[in-house]
Amino acid sequence: MPEMDGPMTLEALRTLPENAVTPVIFMTAKAQYQEVQRLLELGAIDIITKPYDPQKLSAEIQTKWNTFCHAA
């Protein structure tokens, strides 16, 4: 993204009341512990790391969403 990266975009979205608690799942190649922790601290419900299996992506997102919804 030319102007902002994912974390910056999430921080900007969180300033809008209607997006204060919107669930977010990041997809990133940056799977290092510190980066994952930063995204979770920003409010991501989970992180999908690249490379990923496109045939399993939908099911993986659904599982993460269901886990989040049942925990909330």
N, C-alpha and C. Protein backbone atom coordinates (compact mmCIF):
# COMPACT_ATOMS: atom_id res chain seq x y z
N MET A 1 0.85 -1.17 0.00
CA MET A 1 0.00 0.00 0.00
C MET A 1 0.90 1.24 0.00
N PRO A 2 0.67 2.14 -0.92
CA PRO A 2 1.62 3.23 -1.10
C PRO A 2 1.69 4.25 0.03
N GLU A 3 0.59 4.56 0.66
CA GLU A 3 0.58 5.63 1.67
C GLU A 3 0.74 5.10 3.09
N MET A 4 0.07 4.00 3.38
CA MET A 4 0.06 3.47 4.74
C MET A 4 0.17 1.95 4.69
N ASP A 5 0.80 1.37 5.71
CA ASP A 5 0.84 -0.09 5.79
C ASP A 5 -0.39 -0.57 6.57
N GLY A 6 -0.52 -1.86 6.72
CA GLY A 6 -1.69 -2.43 7.41
C GLY A 6 -1.88 -1.92 8.82
N PRO A 7 -0.83 -1.94 9.66
CA PRO A 7 -1.00 -1.44 11.02
C PRO A 7 -1.41 0.03 11.07
N MET A 8 -0.85 0.85 10.20
CA MET A 8 -1.22 2.27 10.16
C MET A 8 -2.68 2.42 9.74
N THR A 9 -3.11 1.60 8.78
CA THR A 9 -4.50 1.64 8.34
C THR A 9 -5.43 1.26 9.47
N LEU A 10 -5.08 0.21 10.21
CA LEU A 10 -5.92 -0.20 11.34
C LEU A 10 -5.99 0.89 12.40
N GLU A 11 -4.87 1.50 12.71
CA GLU A 11 -4.87 2.58 13.70
C GLU A 11 -5.79 3.72 13.24
N ALA A 12 -5.75 4.06 11.96
CA ALA A 12 -6.61 5.13 11.43
C ALA A 12 -8.07 4.72 11.50
N LEU A 13 -8.38 3.48 11.15
CA LEU A 13 -9.76 3.01 11.21
C LEU A 13 -10.29 3.01 12.64
N ARG A 14 -9.46 2.69 13.60
CA ARG A 14 -9.88 2.62 15.00
C ARG A 14 -10.26 4.00 15.55
N THR A 15 -9.82 5.07 14.89
CA THR A 15 -10.18 6.41 15.37
C THR A 15 -11.62 6.75 15.01
N LEU A 16 -12.22 6.00 14.09
CA LEU A 16 -13.62 6.23 13.70
C LEU A 16 -14.51 5.38 14.60
N PRO A 17 -15.47 6.01 15.28
CA PRO A 17 -16.31 5.27 16.23
C PRO A 17 -16.96 4.02 15.63
N GLU A 18 -17.39 4.09 14.39
CA GLU A 18 -18.06 2.93 13.79
C GLU A 18 -17.10 1.78 13.50
N ASN A 19 -15.80 2.03 13.56
CA ASN A 19 -14.81 0.99 13.32
C ASN A 19 -13.99 0.64 14.57
N ALA A 20 -14.43 1.13 15.70
CA ALA A 20 -13.65 0.95 16.93
C ALA A 20 -13.47 -0.51 17.31
N VAL A 21 -14.44 -1.35 16.97
CA VAL A 21 -14.35 -2.76 17.36
C VAL A 21 -14.53 -3.71 16.17
N THR A 22 -14.36 -3.19 14.95
CA THR A 22 -14.47 -4.04 13.77
C THR A 22 -13.40 -5.12 13.81
N PRO A 23 -13.78 -6.39 13.69
CA PRO A 23 -12.79 -7.47 13.72
C PRO A 23 -11.87 -7.39 12.49
N VAL A 24 -10.60 -7.62 12.71
CA VAL A 24 -9.61 -7.56 11.64
C VAL A 24 -8.71 -8.79 11.71
N ILE A 25 -8.47 -9.39 10.56
CA ILE A 25 -7.49 -10.47 10.42
C ILE A 25 -6.44 -9.98 9.45
N PHE A 26 -5.20 -9.97 9.86
CA PHE A 26 -4.11 -9.56 9.00
C PHE A 26 -3.58 -10.74 8.21
N MET A 27 -3.16 -10.46 6.99
CA MET A 27 -2.44 -11.44 6.18
C MET A 27 -1.07 -10.82 5.90
N THR A 28 -0.03 -11.50 6.32
CA THR A 28 1.30 -10.92 6.23
C THR A 28 2.37 -11.98 6.03
N ALA A 29 3.47 -11.55 5.44
CA ALA A 29 4.63 -12.41 5.34
C ALA A 29 5.54 -12.21 6.55
N LYS A 30 5.27 -11.17 7.33
CA LYS A 30 6.07 -10.85 8.52
C LYS A 30 5.55 -11.67 9.70
N ALA A 31 6.04 -12.87 9.82
CA ALA A 31 5.54 -13.79 10.84
C ALA A 31 6.44 -13.83 12.07
N GLN A 32 7.32 -12.86 12.20
CA GLN A 32 8.18 -12.83 13.37
C GLN A 32 7.35 -12.50 14.61
N TYR A 33 7.76 -13.05 15.73
CA TYR A 33 7.01 -12.93 16.97
C TYR A 33 6.64 -11.48 17.29
N GLN A 34 7.62 -10.57 17.19
CA GLN A 34 7.37 -9.17 17.55
C GLN A 34 6.31 -8.55 16.66
N GLU A 35 6.35 -8.85 15.37
CA GLU A 35 5.37 -8.29 14.44
C GLU A 35 3.97 -8.85 14.72
N VAL A 36 3.88 -10.15 14.97
CA VAL A 36 2.59 -10.76 15.29
C VAL A 36 2.03 -10.15 16.57
N GLN A 37 2.87 -9.99 17.59
CA GLN A 37 2.42 -9.40 18.85
C GLN A 37 1.93 -7.98 18.65
N ARG A 38 2.64 -7.22 17.82
CA ARG A 38 2.22 -5.83 17.55
C ARG A 38 0.84 -5.80 16.91
N LEU A 39 0.59 -6.67 15.94
CA LEU A 39 -0.70 -6.70 15.27
C LEU A 39 -1.81 -7.10 16.23
N LEU A 40 -1.53 -8.06 17.09
CA LEU A 40 -2.53 -8.47 18.08
C LEU A 40 -2.81 -7.34 19.07
N GLU A 41 -1.76 -6.62 19.46
CA GLU A 41 -1.93 -5.50 20.39
C GLU A 41 -2.75 -4.37 19.75
N LEU A 42 -2.66 -4.24 18.43
CA LEU A 42 -3.45 -3.24 17.72
C LEU A 42 -4.91 -3.64 17.61
N GLY A 43 -5.22 -4.90 17.93
CA GLY A 43 -6.60 -5.33 17.91
C GLY A 43 -6.95 -6.36 16.87
N ALA A 44 -5.97 -6.88 16.16
CA ALA A 44 -6.26 -7.95 15.20
C ALA A 44 -6.76 -9.17 15.97
N ILE A 45 -7.75 -9.87 15.39
CA ILE A 45 -8.24 -11.07 16.07
C ILE A 45 -7.34 -12.25 15.76
N ASP A 46 -6.60 -12.16 14.65
CA ASP A 46 -5.65 -13.21 14.31
C ASP A 46 -4.82 -12.77 13.11
N ILE A 47 -3.81 -13.58 12.79
CA ILE A 47 -2.92 -13.30 11.68
C ILE A 47 -2.79 -14.55 10.83
N ILE A 48 -2.91 -14.37 9.52
CA ILE A 48 -2.67 -15.44 8.57
C ILE A 48 -1.33 -15.13 7.92
N THR A 49 -0.42 -16.08 7.97
CA THR A 49 0.90 -15.83 7.42
C THR A 49 1.01 -16.37 6.00
N LYS A 50 1.79 -15.66 5.21
CA LYS A 50 2.09 -16.08 3.84
C LYS A 50 3.33 -16.94 3.88
N PRO A 51 3.46 -17.90 3.05
CA PRO A 51 2.48 -18.30 2.04
C PRO A 51 1.33 -19.05 2.70
N TYR A 52 0.20 -19.00 2.07
CA TYR A 52 -0.99 -19.69 2.57
C TYR A 52 -1.55 -20.54 1.44
N ASP A 53 -2.38 -21.48 1.79
CA ASP A 53 -3.02 -22.36 0.81
C ASP A 53 -4.32 -21.70 0.37
N PRO A 54 -4.42 -21.20 -0.87
CA PRO A 54 -5.63 -20.52 -1.32
C PRO A 54 -6.88 -21.39 -1.24
N GLN A 55 -6.72 -22.69 -1.35
CA GLN A 55 -7.88 -23.58 -1.29
C GLN A 55 -8.41 -23.71 0.14
N LYS A 56 -7.58 -23.40 1.12
CA LYS A 56 -7.98 -23.52 2.52
C LYS A 56 -8.23 -22.16 3.18
N LEU A 57 -7.99 -21.08 2.44
CA LEU A 57 -8.06 -19.75 3.03
C LEU A 57 -9.45 -19.43 3.57
N SER A 58 -10.47 -19.69 2.81
CA SER A 58 -11.84 -19.39 3.25
C SER A 58 -12.18 -20.12 4.55
N ALA A 59 -11.84 -21.39 4.62
CA ALA A 59 -12.13 -22.17 5.82
C ALA A 59 -11.32 -21.65 7.01
N GLU A 60 -10.07 -21.25 6.76
CA GLU A 60 -9.24 -20.73 7.84
C GLU A 60 -9.82 -19.42 8.40
N ILE A 61 -10.26 -18.55 7.51
CA ILE A 61 -10.87 -17.29 7.95
C ILE A 61 -12.15 -17.58 8.73
N GLN A 62 -12.95 -18.50 8.23
CA GLN A 62 -14.20 -18.84 8.91
C GLN A 62 -13.94 -19.39 10.31
N THR A 63 -12.93 -20.23 10.45
CA THR A 63 -12.57 -20.78 11.76
C THR A 63 -12.14 -19.68 12.72
N LYS A 64 -11.29 -18.78 12.24
CA LYS A 64 -10.82 -17.67 13.08
C LYS A 64 -11.99 -16.76 13.48
N TRP A 65 -12.89 -16.50 12.53
CA TRP A 65 -14.05 -15.67 12.81
C TRP A 65 -14.95 -16.32 13.86
N ASN A 66 -15.22 -17.60 13.68
CA ASN A 66 -16.07 -18.32 14.63
C ASN A 66 -15.45 -18.34 16.03
N THR A 67 -14.15 -18.53 16.10
CA THR A 67 -13.45 -18.52 17.38
C THR A 67 -13.61 -17.16 18.04
N PHE A 68 -13.43 -16.11 17.26
CA PHE A 68 -13.57 -14.75 17.78
C PHE A 68 -14.99 -14.50 18.27
N CYS A 69 -15.98 -14.88 17.48
CA CYS A 69 -17.39 -14.62 17.83
C CYS A 69 -17.79 -15.37 19.09
N HIS A 70 -17.30 -16.58 19.27
CA HIS A 70 -17.65 -17.36 20.45
C HIS A 70 -16.92 -16.86 21.69
N ALA A 71 -15.77 -16.22 21.50
CA ALA A 71 -15.02 -15.70 22.64
C ALA A 71 -15.57 -14.34 23.08
N ALA A 72 -16.22 -13.63 22.17
CA ALA A 72 -16.70 -12.27 22.49
C ALA A 72 -17.95 -12.29 23.34
